[in-house]
Amino acid sequence: MSYAAIFACSHRKGGNTDHAAELMAQGVMDAGGEARVLFVRDYAVEHCLACGACEKAAGQPPEKCCVLSPRDDSMKLFRPLLEARTVLISSPIYFYALPSRFTTLMDRSQQFWAARNRGESWLVEQPARTATLAMAAGRPRGEKLFEGAERSLRFFLKDYGIEIAQSLHFRGKDGPNDMRADESARERLLRAGREAWTGPES
């Protein structure tokens, strides 16, 4: 657990939440940590079949719990959730939710819910860890603009022993360079990266 895993969830390369992920990675490195940015769009993740095989995979390691794992890149994204010291997620908001590639990954996480429900030691003995969220929306308003995505992430991360420690919200970030033009956002993201590695700054 010697690195921070940063999931960049946008389908758009080089946009606001890619930049946010890079800033948080810089914050982690400024604090003396190692940051690994995972651009989710670069990984092939197949849709859950709802076949129930993972519910019958007692005693199997994580790579063997899902029949689709040998066919796609899902374990390359799940493995950091099991290994990283801390997790950071940078995502745009689409229709009050997360992008489809990442929600597909969350659907596939049913295998980890099943493993935790069975009490598999490789999962239930995971140390408690924290996550940092950075979510950007094009809409400038909306009282519950981030609520649905944040709630989904909270229950998704729970199966890995990860709790959300900090959630940053950015409104009105629609153009691909809006985050780059916002110095306040830059400072918040750098600080979030540092705090993810070292704990809250005084």
C-alpha atoms as a PDB file:
ATOM      1  CA  MET A   1       0.000   0.000   0.000  1.00  0.00           C
ATOM      2  CA  SER A   2       2.717   2.417  -0.972  1.00  0.00           C
ATOM      3  CA  TYR A   3       0.821   4.470  -3.527  1.00  0.00           C
ATOM      4  CA  ALA A   4      -2.289   6.577  -4.068  1.00  0.00           C
ATOM      5  CA  ALA A   5      -4.640   5.333  -6.795  1.00  0.00           C
ATOM      6  CA  ILE A   6      -6.340   8.140  -8.688  1.00  0.00           C
ATOM      7  CA  PHE A   7      -9.271   7.203 -10.930  1.00  0.00           C
ATOM      8  CA  ALA A   8      -9.940   9.695 -13.724  1.00  0.00           C
ATOM      9  CA  CYS A   9     -13.450   8.804 -14.874  1.00  0.00           C
ATOM     10  CA  SER A  10     -14.119  11.159 -17.767  1.00  0.00           C
ATOM     11  CA  HIS A  11     -14.663   9.906 -21.317  1.00  0.00           C
ATOM     12  CA  ARG A  12     -13.128  13.178 -22.565  1.00  0.00           C
ATOM     13  CA  LYS A  13      -9.351  13.234 -22.754  1.00  0.00           C
ATOM     14  CA  GLY A  14      -7.657  16.318 -21.356  1.00  0.00           C
ATOM     15  CA  GLY A  15     -10.786  17.864 -19.860  1.00  0.00           C
ATOM     16  CA  ASN A  16     -11.628  19.280 -16.453  1.00  0.00           C
ATOM     17  CA  THR A  17     -11.528  16.114 -14.384  1.00  0.00           C
ATOM     18  CA  ASP A  18      -8.384  14.822 -16.112  1.00  0.00           C
ATOM     19  CA  HIS A  19      -6.790  18.069 -14.988  1.00  0.00           C
ATOM     20  CA  ALA A  20      -8.262  17.618 -11.502  1.00  0.00           C
ATOM     21  CA  ALA A  21      -6.785  14.111 -11.307  1.00  0.00           C
ATOM     22  CA  GLU A  22      -3.374  15.421 -12.343  1.00  0.00           C
ATOM     23  CA  LEU A  23      -3.511  18.180  -9.722  1.00  0.00           C
ATOM     24  CA  MET A  24      -4.426  15.722  -6.968  1.00  0.00           C
ATOM     25  CA  ALA A  25      -1.599  13.470  -8.124  1.00  0.00           C
ATOM     26  CA  GLN A  26       0.765  16.430  -7.872  1.00  0.00           C
ATOM     27  CA  GLY A  27      -0.505  17.095  -4.345  1.00  0.00           C
ATOM     28  CA  VAL A  28       0.195  13.488  -3.353  1.00  0.00           C
ATOM     29  CA  MET A  29       3.721  13.740  -4.764  1.00  0.00           C
ATOM     30  CA  ASP A  30       4.291  17.101  -3.063  1.00  0.00           C
ATOM     31  CA  ALA A  31       3.508  15.315   0.211  1.00  0.00           C
ATOM     32  CA  GLY A  32       6.125  12.671  -0.534  1.00  0.00           C
ATOM     33  CA  GLY A  33       3.806   9.962  -1.875  1.00  0.00           C
ATOM     34  CA  GLU A  34       3.562   7.993  -5.087  1.00  0.00           C
ATOM     35  CA  ALA A  35       0.527   8.668  -7.293  1.00  0.00           C
ATOM     36  CA  ARG A  36      -0.804   6.418 -10.037  1.00  0.00           C
ATOM     37  CA  VAL A  37      -3.450   7.952 -12.295  1.00  0.00           C
ATOM     38  CA  LEU A  38      -5.791   5.453 -13.955  1.00  0.00           C
ATOM     39  CA  PHE A  39      -7.748   6.846 -16.891  1.00  0.00           C
ATOM     40  CA  VAL A  40     -10.818   4.606 -16.779  1.00  0.00           C
ATOM     41  CA  ARG A  41     -11.630   5.225 -20.460  1.00  0.00           C
ATOM     42  CA  ASP A  42      -8.434   3.363 -21.420  1.00  0.00           C
ATOM     43  CA  TYR A  43      -9.634   0.086 -19.868  1.00  0.00           C
ATOM     44  CA  ALA A  44     -12.069  -2.377 -21.421  1.00  0.00           C
ATOM     45  CA  VAL A  45     -14.765  -3.280 -18.890  1.00  0.00           C
ATOM     46  CA  GLU A  46     -17.567  -5.640 -19.885  1.00  0.00           C
ATOM     47  CA  HIS A  47     -21.081  -5.308 -18.527  1.00  0.00           C
ATOM     48  CA  CYS A  48     -22.167  -7.499 -15.629  1.00  0.00           C
ATOM     49  CA  LEU A  49     -24.182 -10.484 -16.823  1.00  0.00           C
ATOM     50  CA  ALA A  50     -26.094 -10.893 -13.545  1.00  0.00           C
ATOM     51  CA  CYS A  51     -25.234 -14.588 -13.887  1.00  0.00           C
ATOM     52  CA  GLY A  52     -24.727 -15.165 -10.154  1.00  0.00           C
ATOM     53  CA  ALA A  53     -21.403 -16.982 -10.592  1.00  0.00           C
ATOM     54  CA  CYS A  54     -19.644 -14.630  -8.157  1.00  0.00           C
ATOM     55  CA  GLU A  55     -22.092 -15.596  -5.420  1.00  0.00           C
ATOM     56  CA  LYS A  56     -20.920 -19.202  -5.712  1.00  0.00           C
ATOM     57  CA  ALA A  57     -17.174 -18.481  -5.792  1.00  0.00           C
ATOM     58  CA  ALA A  58     -16.457 -19.339  -2.146  1.00  0.00           C
ATOM     59  CA  GLY A  59     -12.765 -19.623  -1.381  1.00  0.00           C
ATOM     60  CA  GLN A  60     -11.681 -18.165  -4.723  1.00  0.00           C
ATOM     61  CA  PRO A  61      -9.169 -15.306  -5.050  1.00  0.00           C
ATOM     62  CA  PRO A  62     -10.493 -12.037  -6.521  1.00  0.00           C
ATOM     63  CA  GLU A  63      -9.243 -12.882 -10.027  1.00  0.00           C
ATOM     64  CA  LYS A  64     -11.433 -16.015 -10.038  1.00  0.00           C
ATOM     65  CA  CYS A  65     -14.691 -14.583  -8.677  1.00  0.00           C
ATOM     66  CA  CYS A  66     -16.129 -13.282 -11.956  1.00  0.00           C
ATOM     67  CA  VAL A  67     -16.416 -15.218 -15.222  1.00  0.00           C
ATOM     68  CA  LEU A  68     -15.653 -12.021 -17.163  1.00  0.00           C
ATOM     69  CA  SER A  69     -12.358 -11.179 -15.431  1.00  0.00           C
ATOM     70  CA  PRO A  70     -10.172 -13.164 -17.873  1.00  0.00           C
ATOM     71  CA  ARG A  71     -11.799 -11.351 -20.815  1.00  0.00           C
ATOM     72  CA  ASP A  72     -11.399  -7.694 -19.879  1.00  0.00           C
ATOM     73  CA  ASP A  73      -9.334  -5.183 -17.905  1.00  0.00           C
ATOM     74  CA  SER A  74     -11.586  -4.934 -14.850  1.00  0.00           C
ATOM     75  CA  MET A  75      -9.068  -6.463 -12.433  1.00  0.00           C
ATOM     76  CA  LYS A  76      -6.514  -3.836 -13.454  1.00  0.00           C
ATOM     77  CA  LEU A  77      -8.930  -1.303 -11.958  1.00  0.00           C
ATOM     78  CA  PHE A  78     -10.137  -3.406  -9.036  1.00  0.00           C
ATOM     79  CA  ARG A  79      -6.621  -4.326  -7.877  1.00  0.00           C
ATOM     80  CA  PRO A  80      -5.717  -0.735  -6.845  1.00  0.00           C
ATOM     81  CA  LEU A  81      -8.909  -0.606  -4.766  1.00  0.00           C
ATOM     82  CA  LEU A  82      -7.504  -3.539  -2.804  1.00  0.00           C
ATOM     83  CA  GLU A  83      -3.880  -2.412  -2.703  1.00  0.00           C
ATOM     84  CA  ALA A  84      -3.616   1.371  -2.606  1.00  0.00           C
ATOM     85  CA  ARG A  85      -2.960   3.297   0.581  1.00  0.00           C
ATOM     86  CA  THR A  86      -5.614   5.818  -0.415  1.00  0.00           C
ATOM     87  CA  VAL A  87      -8.016   6.257  -3.336  1.00  0.00           C
ATOM     88  CA  LEU A  88      -8.947   9.464  -5.157  1.00  0.00           C
ATOM     89  CA  ILE A  89     -11.719   9.695  -7.744  1.00  0.00           C
ATOM     90  CA  SER A  90     -12.068  12.540 -10.221  1.00  0.00           C
ATOM     91  CA  SER A  91     -15.259  12.506 -12.248  1.00  0.00           C
ATOM     92  CA  PRO A  92     -17.643  14.652 -14.260  1.00  0.00           C
ATOM     93  CA  ILE A  93     -21.338  14.486 -13.510  1.00  0.00           C
ATOM     94  CA  TYR A  94     -23.585  13.267 -16.312  1.00  0.00           C
ATOM     95  CA  PHE A  95     -27.328  13.659 -15.629  1.00  0.00           C
ATOM     96  CA  TYR A  96     -26.640  13.769 -11.860  1.00  0.00           C
ATOM     97  CA  ALA A  97     -24.639  10.514 -12.115  1.00  0.00           C
ATOM     98  CA  LEU A  98     -21.201   9.113 -12.961  1.00  0.00           C
ATOM     99  CA  PRO A  99     -19.951   8.306 -16.494  1.00  0.00           C
ATOM    100  CA  SER A 100     -21.020   4.976 -17.961  1.00  0.00           C
ATOM    101  CA  ARG A 101     -17.606   3.269 -18.004  1.00  0.00           C
ATOM    102  CA  PHE A 102     -17.204   3.795 -14.281  1.00  0.00           C
ATOM    103  CA  THR A 103     -20.778   2.790 -13.471  1.00  0.00           C
ATOM    104  CA  THR A 104     -20.164  -0.415 -15.430  1.00  0.00           C
ATOM    105  CA  LEU A 105     -17.161  -1.027 -13.184  1.00  0.00           C
ATOM    106  CA  MET A 106     -19.371  -0.459 -10.148  1.00  0.00           C
ATOM    107  CA  ASP A 107     -21.891  -2.984 -11.461  1.00  0.00           C
ATOM    108  CA  ARG A 108     -19.082  -5.500 -11.812  1.00  0.00           C
ATOM    109  CA  SER A 109     -18.186  -4.881  -8.176  1.00  0.00           C
ATOM    110  CA  GLN A 110     -21.068  -7.176  -7.254  1.00  0.00           C
ATOM    111  CA  GLN A 111     -18.387  -9.864  -6.995  1.00  0.00           C
ATOM    112  CA  PHE A 112     -16.752  -7.977  -4.103  1.00  0.00           C
ATOM    113  CA  TRP A 113     -20.080  -7.444  -2.368  1.00  0.00           C
ATOM    114  CA  ALA A 114     -20.635 -11.208  -2.607  1.00  0.00           C
ATOM    115  CA  ALA A 115     -17.135 -11.937  -1.297  1.00  0.00           C
ATOM    116  CA  ARG A 116     -17.617  -9.615   1.678  1.00  0.00           C
ATOM    117  CA  ASN A 117     -21.017 -11.169   2.366  1.00  0.00           C
ATOM    118  CA  ARG A 118     -19.319 -14.585   2.507  1.00  0.00           C
ATOM    119  CA  GLY A 119     -16.612 -13.226   4.811  1.00  0.00           C
ATOM    120  CA  GLU A 120     -13.700 -13.891   2.459  1.00  0.00           C
ATOM    121  CA  SER A 121     -10.565 -13.077   4.465  1.00  0.00           C
ATOM    122  CA  TRP A 122      -8.712 -11.394   1.566  1.00  0.00           C
ATOM    123  CA  LEU A 123     -11.440  -8.747   1.554  1.00  0.00           C
ATOM    124  CA  VAL A 124     -12.853  -8.440   5.078  1.00  0.00           C
ATOM    125  CA  GLU A 125      -9.344  -8.123   6.534  1.00  0.00           C
ATOM    126  CA  GLN A 126      -8.523  -5.113   4.385  1.00  0.00           C
ATOM    127  CA  PRO A 127      -7.333  -2.188   6.550  1.00  0.00           C
ATOM    128  CA  ALA A 128      -9.620   0.817   6.823  1.00  0.00           C
ATOM    129  CA  ARG A 129      -8.698   3.441   4.244  1.00  0.00           C
ATOM    130  CA  THR A 130     -10.067   6.707   2.923  1.00  0.00           C
ATOM    131  CA  ALA A 131     -11.141   8.155  -0.402  1.00  0.00           C
ATOM    132  CA  THR A 132     -11.154  11.684  -1.771  1.00  0.00           C
ATOM    133  CA  LEU A 133     -13.677  12.724  -4.414  1.00  0.00           C
ATOM    134  CA  ALA A 134     -13.449  15.572  -6.913  1.00  0.00           C
ATOM    135  CA  MET A 135     -16.604  15.963  -8.992  1.00  0.00           C
ATOM    136  CA  ALA A 136     -17.244  18.577 -11.657  1.00  0.00           C
ATOM    137  CA  ALA A 137     -20.550  19.501 -13.280  1.00  0.00           C
ATOM    138  CA  GLY A 138     -21.357  21.751 -16.191  1.00  0.00           C
ATOM    139  CA  ARG A 139     -24.508  22.986 -14.453  1.00  0.00           C
ATOM    140  CA  PRO A 140     -23.913  26.003 -12.224  1.00  0.00           C
ATOM    141  CA  ARG A 141     -26.904  25.197 -10.006  1.00  0.00           C
ATOM    142  CA  GLY A 142     -28.702  22.234  -8.477  1.00  0.00           C
ATOM    143  CA  GLU A 143     -29.083  21.555  -4.777  1.00  0.00           C
ATOM    144  CA  LYS A 144     -28.563  17.802  -5.193  1.00  0.00           C
ATOM    145  CA  LEU A 145     -26.287  17.946  -8.204  1.00  0.00           C
ATOM    146  CA  PHE A 146     -23.634  15.669  -6.665  1.00  0.00           C
ATOM    147  CA  GLU A 147     -25.751  13.730  -4.180  1.00  0.00           C
ATOM    148  CA  GLY A 148     -26.579  10.690  -6.330  1.00  0.00           C
ATOM    149  CA  ALA A 149     -23.008  10.127  -7.532  1.00  0.00           C
ATOM    150  CA  GLU A 150     -21.591  10.579  -4.046  1.00  0.00           C
ATOM    151  CA  ARG A 151     -24.050   8.126  -2.524  1.00  0.00           C
ATOM    152  CA  SER A 152     -23.280   5.509  -5.193  1.00  0.00           C
ATOM    153  CA  LEU A 153     -19.557   5.910  -4.581  1.00  0.00           C
ATOM    154  CA  ARG A 154     -19.999   5.624  -0.825  1.00  0.00           C
ATOM    155  CA  PHE A 155     -21.611   2.189  -1.082  1.00  0.00           C
ATOM    156  CA  PHE A 156     -19.315   1.063  -3.907  1.00  0.00           C
ATOM    157  CA  LEU A 157     -16.189   1.843  -1.857  1.00  0.00           C
ATOM    158  CA  LYS A 158     -17.557   0.341   1.338  1.00  0.00           C
ATOM    159  CA  ASP A 159     -16.906  -3.228   0.157  1.00  0.00           C
ATOM    160  CA  TYR A 160     -13.186  -2.451  -0.063  1.00  0.00           C
ATOM    161  CA  GLY A 161     -13.028  -1.015   3.441  1.00  0.00           C
ATOM    162  CA  ILE A 162     -12.817   2.539   2.075  1.00  0.00           C
ATOM    163  CA  GLU A 163     -14.744   5.524   3.449  1.00  0.00           C
ATOM    164  CA  ILE A 164     -15.075   8.939   1.841  1.00  0.00           C
ATOM    165  CA  ALA A 165     -13.027  11.440   3.820  1.00  0.00           C
ATOM    166  CA  GLN A 166     -13.424  14.469   1.558  1.00  0.00           C
ATOM    167  CA  SER A 167     -15.642  15.389  -1.373  1.00  0.00           C
ATOM    168  CA  LEU A 168     -14.892  18.425  -3.528  1.00  0.00           C
ATOM    169  CA  HIS A 169     -17.646  19.842  -5.754  1.00  0.00           C
ATOM    170  CA  PHE A 170     -17.064  22.105  -8.747  1.00  0.00           C
ATOM    171  CA  ARG A 171     -20.029  23.702 -10.535  1.00  0.00           C
ATOM    172  CA  GLY A 172     -20.179  25.392 -13.917  1.00  0.00           C
ATOM    173  CA  LYS A 173     -17.193  23.480 -15.332  1.00  0.00           C
ATOM    174  CA  ASP A 174     -18.406  22.714 -18.858  1.00  0.00           C
ATOM    175  CA  GLY A 175     -15.676  23.857 -21.239  1.00  0.00           C
ATOM    176  CA  PRO A 176     -12.619  21.565 -21.283  1.00  0.00           C
ATOM    177  CA  ASN A 177     -10.324  24.258 -19.853  1.00  0.00           C
ATOM    178  CA  ASP A 178     -12.621  25.695 -17.183  1.00  0.00           C
ATOM    179  CA  MET A 179     -10.741  23.962 -14.354  1.00  0.00           C
ATOM    180  CA  ARG A 180      -7.388  25.220 -15.602  1.00  0.00           C
ATOM    181  CA  ALA A 181      -8.672  28.784 -15.480  1.00  0.00           C
ATOM    182  CA  ASP A 182      -9.799  28.493 -11.849  1.00  0.00           C
ATOM    183  CA  GLU A 183      -6.918  29.191  -9.482  1.00  0.00           C
ATOM    184  CA  SER A 184      -9.043  28.514  -6.405  1.00  0.00           C
ATOM    185  CA  ALA A 185      -9.968  25.075  -7.744  1.00  0.00           C
ATOM    186  CA  ARG A 186      -6.298  24.375  -8.449  1.00  0.00           C
ATOM    187  CA  GLU A 187      -5.332  25.130  -4.844  1.00  0.00           C
ATOM    188  CA  ARG A 188      -8.198  23.037  -3.449  1.00  0.00           C
ATOM    189  CA  LEU A 189      -7.198  20.043  -5.570  1.00  0.00           C
ATOM    190  CA  LEU A 190      -3.509  20.264  -4.695  1.00  0.00           C
ATOM    191  CA  ARG A 191      -4.392  20.463  -1.020  1.00  0.00           C
ATOM    192  CA  ALA A 192      -6.784  17.523  -1.332  1.00  0.00           C
ATOM    193  CA  GLY A 193      -3.981  15.438  -2.818  1.00  0.00           C
ATOM    194  CA  ARG A 194      -1.620  16.338   0.008  1.00  0.00           C
ATOM    195  CA  GLU A 195      -4.245  15.608   2.645  1.00  0.00           C
ATOM    196  CA  ALA A 196      -5.134  12.283   1.046  1.00  0.00           C
ATOM    197  CA  TRP A 197      -1.557  11.190   1.645  1.00  0.00           C
ATOM    198  CA  THR A 198      -0.755  12.808   4.999  1.00  0.00           C
ATOM    199  CA  GLY A 199      -4.098  13.616   6.646  1.00  0.00           C
ATOM    200  CA  PRO A 200      -5.840  16.993   7.086  1.00  0.00           C
ATOM    201  CA  GLU A 201      -3.623  20.054   7.124  1.00  0.00           C
ATOM    202  CA  SER A 202      -3.841  22.336  10.133  1.00  0.00           C
END
